[in-house]
Amino acid sequence: MIGHVSQVRLPVRTTYATATQMIQGASEEIIVVGYVFTEGASALVELLAAAQTDRKVLVTIIGNRMRDQLSRLKGMWPAVTPLPAVFSRERLADDPLATLHAKLLLCDRSEALVTSANFSHHGLHANIEIGLHVKSPAIERLSDFLLALINSGEVDSLTEVL
């Protein structure tokens, strides 16, 4: 029936709930890739900092135009905790509209959340977002791809400005 939406009961969770479970379960490495990081993600950022400090998990953040977002990220990151490795895809001179638009959370090279959600209040808690949570050895290939972006210089290290 056109124009009719039935009520379908599906087991769904917020992006935040899934990300929280993944971050708290990580023991070696967390890679976060996002288009935007706003103050609405502060609780998630605190979980990342705790994983880095309490469990010595290696945390890496890769974002779009992170130079513009760095002060916001620093403001959310606990002051007593060293900042993670941060990488940025900056504007391209020949195509200033091109962006890093991916939204991923990878843990321990074996678990991934691939999502439409930005790391913002609405993306994590309120929007209708679609995400896929996968646990598989194949996630290692996705981790390798992200490391190749770093190693090839496709994303810039912001270590010098931290």
Protein backbone atom coordinates (compact mmCIF):
# COMPACT_ATOMS: atom_id res chain seq x y z
CA MET A 1 0.00 0.00 0.00
CA ILE A 2 1.66 3.24 -1.13
CA GLY A 3 2.11 5.84 1.58
CA HIS A 4 1.61 3.35 4.41
CA VAL A 5 4.44 2.47 6.75
CA SER A 6 3.80 -0.51 8.97
CA GLN A 7 5.26 -0.87 12.42
CA VAL A 8 8.08 -3.38 12.18
CA ARG A 9 9.69 -4.55 15.37
CA LEU A 10 13.40 -5.06 14.83
CA PRO A 11 16.22 -5.43 17.35
CA VAL A 12 17.90 -2.06 16.94
CA ARG A 13 20.31 -0.06 19.06
CA THR A 14 21.69 3.42 18.89
CA THR A 15 25.05 3.94 17.26
CA TYR A 16 26.30 5.06 20.69
CA ALA A 17 25.28 1.78 22.36
CA THR A 18 27.06 -0.32 19.75
CA ALA A 19 30.16 1.91 19.75
CA THR A 20 30.31 1.85 23.55
CA GLN A 21 30.24 -1.94 23.66
CA MET A 22 32.96 -2.14 21.01
CA ILE A 23 35.25 0.41 22.66
CA GLN A 24 34.88 -1.18 26.09
CA GLY A 25 35.73 -4.59 24.61
CA ALA A 26 38.78 -3.47 22.65
CA SER A 27 42.11 -4.69 24.00
CA GLU A 28 44.73 -3.64 21.42
CA GLU A 29 43.67 -1.05 18.83
CA ILE A 30 40.80 1.29 18.00
CA ILE A 31 40.58 3.26 14.76
CA VAL A 32 37.84 5.87 14.45
CA VAL A 33 37.10 7.40 11.04
CA GLY A 34 34.62 10.22 10.82
CA TYR A 35 33.41 13.15 8.83
CA VAL A 36 32.62 15.35 11.82
CA PHE A 37 33.24 15.18 15.57
CA THR A 38 31.08 17.51 17.69
CA GLU A 39 30.64 18.10 21.42
CA GLY A 40 27.75 15.64 21.24
CA ALA A 41 30.36 12.88 20.97
CA SER A 42 32.12 13.83 24.20
CA ALA A 43 31.01 10.72 26.10
CA LEU A 44 32.33 8.54 23.28
CA VAL A 45 35.61 10.48 23.24
CA GLU A 46 35.94 9.92 26.99
CA LEU A 47 35.51 6.17 26.42
CA LEU A 48 38.30 6.27 23.83
CA ALA A 49 40.56 8.13 26.26
CA ALA A 50 39.80 5.61 29.00
CA ALA A 51 40.61 2.70 26.67
CA GLN A 52 43.93 4.36 25.84
CA THR A 53 44.81 5.14 29.45
CA ASP A 54 43.33 2.24 31.42
CA ARG A 55 43.92 -0.64 28.99
CA LYS A 56 46.79 0.81 26.90
CA VAL A 57 44.72 0.48 23.70
CA LEU A 58 46.27 2.26 20.71
CA VAL A 59 43.70 4.86 19.57
CA THR A 60 43.84 6.50 16.15
CA ILE A 61 41.39 9.10 14.85
CA ILE A 62 41.13 9.85 11.13
CA GLY A 63 38.83 12.67 10.14
CA ASN A 64 37.84 15.13 7.50
CA ARG A 65 39.51 18.52 7.82
CA MET A 66 40.56 17.76 11.37
CA ARG A 67 42.65 20.93 11.57
CA ASP A 68 39.30 22.74 11.77
CA GLN A 69 38.02 20.27 14.39
CA LEU A 70 41.18 19.85 16.45
CA SER A 71 40.36 22.41 19.14
CA ARG A 72 36.94 20.78 19.63
CA LEU A 73 38.55 17.33 19.91
CA LYS A 74 41.14 18.64 22.39
CA GLY A 75 38.32 20.19 24.43
CA MET A 76 36.51 16.85 24.69
CA TRP A 77 39.64 14.77 25.38
CA PRO A 78 40.46 14.56 29.12
CA ALA A 79 43.29 17.00 29.88
CA VAL A 80 45.31 14.45 31.88
CA THR A 81 45.34 11.93 29.02
CA PRO A 82 47.72 12.22 26.04
CA LEU A 83 45.88 12.81 22.78
CA PRO A 84 45.69 9.88 20.36
CA ALA A 85 47.25 9.82 16.92
CA VAL A 86 45.13 12.14 14.75
CA PHE A 87 45.13 12.22 10.95
CA SER A 88 43.27 14.52 8.61
CA ARG A 89 42.09 14.61 5.03
CA GLU A 90 42.40 18.28 4.18
CA ARG A 91 40.95 20.16 1.21
CA LEU A 92 42.32 19.16 -2.15
CA ALA A 93 43.63 22.07 -4.23
CA ASP A 94 42.12 20.66 -7.42
CA ASP A 95 38.77 19.67 -5.84
CA PRO A 96 37.90 21.57 -2.64
CA LEU A 97 34.55 19.77 -2.34
CA ALA A 98 36.10 16.29 -2.06
CA THR A 99 35.94 14.98 1.52
CA LEU A 100 36.61 12.00 3.72
CA HIS A 101 32.99 11.08 4.35
CA ALA A 102 33.42 7.60 5.84
CA LYS A 103 32.16 6.75 9.32
CA LEU A 104 33.83 3.70 10.84
CA LEU A 105 34.83 2.28 14.17
CA LEU A 106 37.34 -0.57 14.04
CA CYS A 107 38.49 -2.53 17.07
CA ASP A 108 41.34 -5.00 17.33
CA ARG A 109 41.46 -5.52 13.54
CA SER A 110 38.54 -7.95 13.84
CA GLU A 111 35.42 -5.90 14.58
CA ALA A 112 33.91 -2.97 12.71
CA LEU A 113 30.94 -0.66 12.80
CA VAL A 114 30.33 0.79 9.35
CA THR A 115 27.68 3.46 9.74
CA SER A 116 25.99 6.47 8.24
CA ALA A 117 26.21 8.22 11.63
CA ASN A 118 28.44 11.20 12.27
CA PHE A 119 30.17 11.43 15.63
CA SER A 120 27.67 13.98 16.93
CA HIS A 121 24.79 13.94 19.40
CA HIS A 122 22.19 13.31 16.73
CA GLY A 123 24.29 10.77 14.85
CA LEU A 124 25.01 8.78 18.00
CA HIS A 125 21.67 9.09 19.81
CA ALA A 126 18.75 10.62 17.92
CA ASN A 127 18.88 10.17 14.14
CA ILE A 128 17.65 7.19 12.22
CA GLU A 129 20.99 5.85 11.05
CA ILE A 130 21.94 2.62 9.37
CA GLY A 131 25.00 0.74 10.48
CA LEU A 132 26.48 -2.69 10.15
CA HIS A 133 28.37 -4.25 13.07
CA VAL A 134 30.68 -6.99 11.82
CA LYS A 135 32.97 -9.36 13.68
CA SER A 136 35.22 -11.17 11.24
CA PRO A 137 38.88 -11.81 10.46
CA ALA A 138 38.15 -10.04 7.15
CA ILE A 139 38.05 -6.72 9.05
CA GLU A 140 41.84 -6.89 9.09
CA ARG A 141 41.76 -5.89 5.39
CA LEU A 142 39.78 -2.76 6.26
CA SER A 143 42.32 -1.91 8.94
CA ASP A 144 45.11 -2.42 6.41
CA PHE A 145 43.36 -0.06 3.99
CA LEU A 146 43.22 2.68 6.63
CA LEU A 147 46.88 2.17 7.50
CA ALA A 148 47.67 2.43 3.77
CA LEU A 149 45.90 5.81 3.70
CA ILE A 150 48.19 6.94 6.51
CA ASN A 151 51.37 5.44 5.06
CA SER A 152 50.73 6.81 1.56
CA GLY A 153 50.20 10.35 2.85
CA GLU A 154 46.58 10.43 1.69
CA VAL A 155 45.79 11.71 5.19
CA ASP A 156 48.07 14.10 7.07
CA SER A 157 49.40 13.48 10.56
CA LEU A 158 48.48 16.25 12.98
CA THR A 159 51.04 15.15 15.57
CA GLU A 160 53.03 18.37 15.12
CA VAL A 161 50.05 20.55 16.07
CA LEU A 162 48.93 18.47 19.04
